[in-house]
Amino acid sequence: MKKLALSLSLALALSSVSTVFCRHPAKNSYRYRSDLCSLRSKNAQGELVGFDIDLAKELCKRINTQCTFVENPLDALIPSLKAKKIDAIMSSLSITEKRQQEIAFTDKLYAADSRLVVKKGSPVTPDLATLKGKRVGVLQGTTQETYGNEHWAPKGIEIVSYQGQDNIYSDLTAGRIDAAFQDEVAASEGFLKTAYR
């Protein structure tokens, strides 16, 4: 039953964010970079675990290849792939026209929307009137950073870029920013479900 559930989960995941693959023929290994703590984190033993890791392990198993996992910030993923420092990206990397000019994508693995997160009781909502004059944290190199800089910054909303998602959540909790704007899965699974346990 567990195998069936895993197979169905993988089938659903593979049918519906995208993985980028590149093969170095001289090696018998694929390496992956993953950046979202909601999809990848470390267990008590310091090992990487989570959806991205499970999916990567299953893919490598099916093609009979050894996987090595490498952690890196989101904004270093594409340059690392292009420089052949890694063989694949296994991360919630939105498919954009600009990124498609640089790298090849597989079909989408899942669809992820963006989510604005604020402290409980905050009057801030996802509309320009309440966001004006506020500080919104975004992860560097994301579609949320691009959107914020193009659509919100010209309207008086300060976009604050961070290298790590955890720093955004720390600053939100401490009140140094008014809102966090990120991938819905990262917000739900990586912060909202874990921050208030």
Protein backbone atom coordinates (compact mmCIF):
# COMPACT_ATOMS: atom_id res chain seq x y z
CA MET A 1 0.00 0.00 0.00
CA LYS A 2 2.86 2.36 0.88
CA LYS A 3 4.48 1.67 -2.52
CA LEU A 4 1.21 2.42 -4.28
CA ALA A 5 0.83 5.69 -2.36
CA LEU A 6 4.40 6.69 -3.24
CA SER A 7 3.85 5.77 -6.89
CA LEU A 8 0.62 7.76 -7.03
CA SER A 9 2.26 10.71 -5.29
CA LEU A 10 5.14 10.67 -7.75
CA ALA A 11 2.78 10.32 -10.70
CA LEU A 12 0.76 13.32 -9.51
CA ALA A 13 3.87 15.34 -8.84
CA LEU A 14 5.35 14.53 -12.21
CA SER A 15 2.16 15.42 -14.03
CA SER A 16 1.44 18.75 -12.56
CA VAL A 17 7.39 23.67 -10.50
CA SER A 18 9.89 22.03 -12.84
CA THR A 19 13.17 20.22 -12.63
CA VAL A 20 16.10 21.12 -14.79
CA PHE A 21 18.36 18.29 -15.96
CA CYS A 22 21.76 18.25 -17.58
CA ARG A 23 23.94 15.14 -17.93
CA HIS A 24 27.72 14.92 -17.82
CA PRO A 25 28.40 11.75 -19.83
CA ALA A 26 31.79 11.10 -18.20
CA LYS A 27 30.18 10.71 -14.79
CA ASN A 28 27.72 8.21 -13.47
CA SER A 29 26.08 10.62 -11.08
CA TYR A 30 23.57 13.41 -10.96
CA ARG A 31 23.80 16.18 -8.42
CA TYR A 32 20.89 18.35 -7.36
CA ARG A 33 20.56 21.70 -5.73
CA SER A 34 17.55 22.50 -3.66
CA ASP A 35 16.76 25.71 -1.81
CA LEU A 36 13.33 25.64 -0.19
CA CYS A 37 13.15 24.46 3.40
CA SER A 38 9.51 23.48 2.89
CA LEU A 39 10.57 20.91 0.30
CA ARG A 40 13.98 20.13 1.72
CA SER A 41 15.41 20.35 5.24
CA LYS A 42 17.89 18.56 7.47
CA ASN A 43 16.90 15.90 9.98
CA ALA A 44 18.49 15.45 13.44
CA GLN A 45 21.37 13.52 11.84
CA GLY A 46 22.12 16.42 9.47
CA GLU A 47 20.84 14.54 6.41
CA LEU A 48 18.77 16.26 3.74
CA VAL A 49 15.15 15.08 3.76
CA GLY A 50 11.87 16.20 2.20
CA PHE A 51 9.86 16.09 -1.00
CA ASP A 52 12.67 17.30 -3.30
CA ILE A 53 15.09 14.76 -1.85
CA ASP A 54 12.61 11.86 -1.99
CA LEU A 55 11.71 12.70 -5.58
CA ALA A 56 15.37 13.03 -6.60
CA LYS A 57 16.23 9.70 -4.97
CA GLU A 58 13.36 7.99 -6.78
CA LEU A 59 14.36 9.51 -10.13
CA CYS A 60 17.98 8.42 -9.65
CA LYS A 61 16.87 4.95 -8.60
CA ARG A 62 14.75 4.61 -11.74
CA ILE A 63 17.65 5.55 -14.00
CA ASN A 64 20.14 3.54 -11.91
CA THR A 65 22.33 6.54 -11.06
CA GLN A 66 24.11 7.72 -7.91
CA CYS A 67 22.85 11.07 -6.53
CA THR A 68 24.90 13.63 -4.65
CA PHE A 69 22.97 16.48 -3.05
CA VAL A 70 24.45 19.98 -2.96
CA GLU A 71 22.91 22.93 -1.11
CA ASN A 72 23.13 26.43 -2.51
CA PRO A 73 21.18 29.73 -2.56
CA LEU A 74 18.48 30.11 -5.20
CA ASP A 75 20.28 32.85 -7.11
CA ALA A 76 23.30 30.54 -7.63
CA LEU A 77 21.33 27.63 -9.13
CA ILE A 78 21.32 28.63 -12.81
CA PRO A 79 24.93 29.93 -12.84
CA SER A 80 26.07 26.66 -11.18
CA LEU A 81 24.22 24.56 -13.75
CA LYS A 82 25.60 26.58 -16.66
CA ALA A 83 29.15 26.31 -15.24
CA LYS A 84 28.64 22.51 -14.93
CA LYS A 85 29.24 22.62 -11.17
CA ILE A 86 25.97 20.69 -10.86
CA ASP A 87 24.13 18.39 -13.20
CA ALA A 88 20.54 19.24 -12.32
CA ILE A 89 18.38 21.59 -10.30
CA MET A 90 15.78 19.99 -8.06
CA SER A 91 14.00 22.97 -6.59
CA SER A 92 10.86 25.03 -6.78
CA LEU A 93 12.16 27.04 -9.72
CA SER A 94 9.43 28.84 -11.61
CA ILE A 95 9.56 28.64 -15.38
CA THR A 96 10.01 32.15 -16.77
CA GLU A 97 10.80 33.35 -20.28
CA LYS A 98 14.18 34.73 -19.10
CA ARG A 99 15.14 31.44 -17.43
CA GLN A 100 14.07 29.45 -20.50
CA GLN A 101 16.59 31.44 -22.54
CA GLU A 102 19.35 30.16 -20.24
CA ILE A 103 18.40 26.58 -19.36
CA ALA A 104 16.07 23.76 -20.41
CA PHE A 105 13.19 22.70 -18.17
CA THR A 106 11.27 19.46 -17.86
CA ASP A 107 7.48 19.62 -17.72
CA LYS A 108 6.07 21.14 -14.53
CA LEU A 109 6.22 18.88 -11.49
CA TYR A 110 3.62 20.90 -9.58
CA ALA A 111 1.99 24.31 -9.71
CA ALA A 112 2.76 26.82 -6.96
CA ASP A 113 1.19 30.20 -6.46
CA SER A 114 2.64 33.08 -4.45
CA ARG A 115 1.50 34.00 -0.96
CA LEU A 116 1.78 37.15 1.13
CA VAL A 117 2.28 36.37 4.84
CA VAL A 118 1.84 38.93 7.64
CA LYS A 119 1.88 38.77 11.44
CA LYS A 120 -1.42 37.85 13.06
CA GLY A 121 -3.56 40.95 13.53
CA SER A 122 -1.73 42.98 10.88
CA PRO A 123 -3.90 45.34 8.82
CA VAL A 124 -1.78 44.55 5.73
CA THR A 125 -3.60 42.71 2.94
CA PRO A 126 -2.47 41.89 -0.61
CA ASP A 127 -3.73 45.16 -2.08
CA LEU A 128 -1.83 48.32 -2.94
CA ALA A 129 -3.69 50.53 -0.44
CA THR A 130 -2.54 48.58 2.63
CA LEU A 131 0.89 47.69 1.21
CA LYS A 132 1.88 51.30 0.38
CA GLY A 133 4.72 52.46 2.64
CA LYS A 134 5.29 48.92 3.97
CA ARG A 135 8.40 46.72 3.79
CA VAL A 136 7.92 43.37 2.03
CA GLY A 137 10.58 40.65 2.25
CA VAL A 138 11.35 38.50 -0.80
CA LEU A 139 13.94 35.84 -1.62
CA GLN A 140 16.65 37.00 -4.05
CA GLY A 141 16.32 35.69 -7.57
CA THR A 142 12.67 34.65 -7.29
CA THR A 143 9.69 35.55 -9.40
CA GLN A 144 8.29 37.24 -6.27
CA GLU A 145 11.32 39.58 -6.17
CA THR A 146 10.85 40.42 -9.85
CA TYR A 147 7.11 41.02 -9.41
CA GLY A 148 7.62 43.15 -6.31
CA ASN A 149 10.27 45.32 -7.95
CA GLU A 150 8.26 45.76 -11.16
CA HIS A 151 4.74 46.22 -9.78
CA TRP A 152 4.93 47.24 -6.10
CA ALA A 153 8.16 49.26 -5.68
CA PRO A 154 7.04 51.99 -8.15
CA LYS A 155 3.86 52.37 -6.06
CA GLY A 156 5.69 53.09 -2.77
CA ILE A 157 6.13 49.58 -1.40
CA GLU A 158 9.68 48.82 -0.21
CA ILE A 159 10.92 45.46 -1.50
CA VAL A 160 13.61 43.98 0.78
CA SER A 161 15.61 41.16 -0.83
CA TYR A 162 17.13 38.36 1.26
CA GLN A 163 19.54 35.53 0.46
CA GLY A 164 17.69 33.04 2.67
CA GLN A 165 14.01 32.37 3.37
CA ASP A 166 14.67 31.83 7.09
CA ASN A 167 16.01 35.41 7.35
CA ILE A 168 12.76 36.69 5.88
CA TYR A 169 10.68 34.81 8.44
CA SER A 170 12.95 35.97 11.31
CA ASP A 171 12.56 39.60 10.26
CA LEU A 172 8.80 39.20 9.83
CA THR A 173 8.46 37.67 13.29
CA ALA A 174 10.67 40.42 14.79
CA GLY A 175 8.70 43.17 13.02
CA ARG A 176 11.57 44.41 10.83
CA ILE A 177 9.41 43.83 7.73
CA ASP A 178 5.64 44.08 7.42
CA ALA A 179 5.07 41.11 5.11
CA ALA A 180 6.80 38.20 3.41
CA PHE A 181 6.04 37.37 -0.23
CA GLN A 182 7.02 33.89 -1.37
CA ASP A 183 6.05 30.60 -2.96
CA GLU A 184 2.81 29.31 -1.45
CA VAL A 185 4.31 25.92 -0.59
CA ALA A 186 7.26 27.56 1.20
CA ALA A 187 4.87 29.75 3.17
CA SER A 188 2.44 27.00 4.12
CA GLU A 189 4.72 24.04 4.71
CA GLY A 190 7.96 25.75 5.63
CA PHE A 191 6.68 28.48 7.92
CA LEU A 192 2.99 28.59 8.82
CA LYS A 193 2.71 24.91 9.75
CA THR A 194 6.00 24.87 11.67
CA ALA A 195 6.25 28.33 13.26
CA TYR A 196 3.21 27.95 15.48
CA ARG A 197 3.52 24.37 16.73
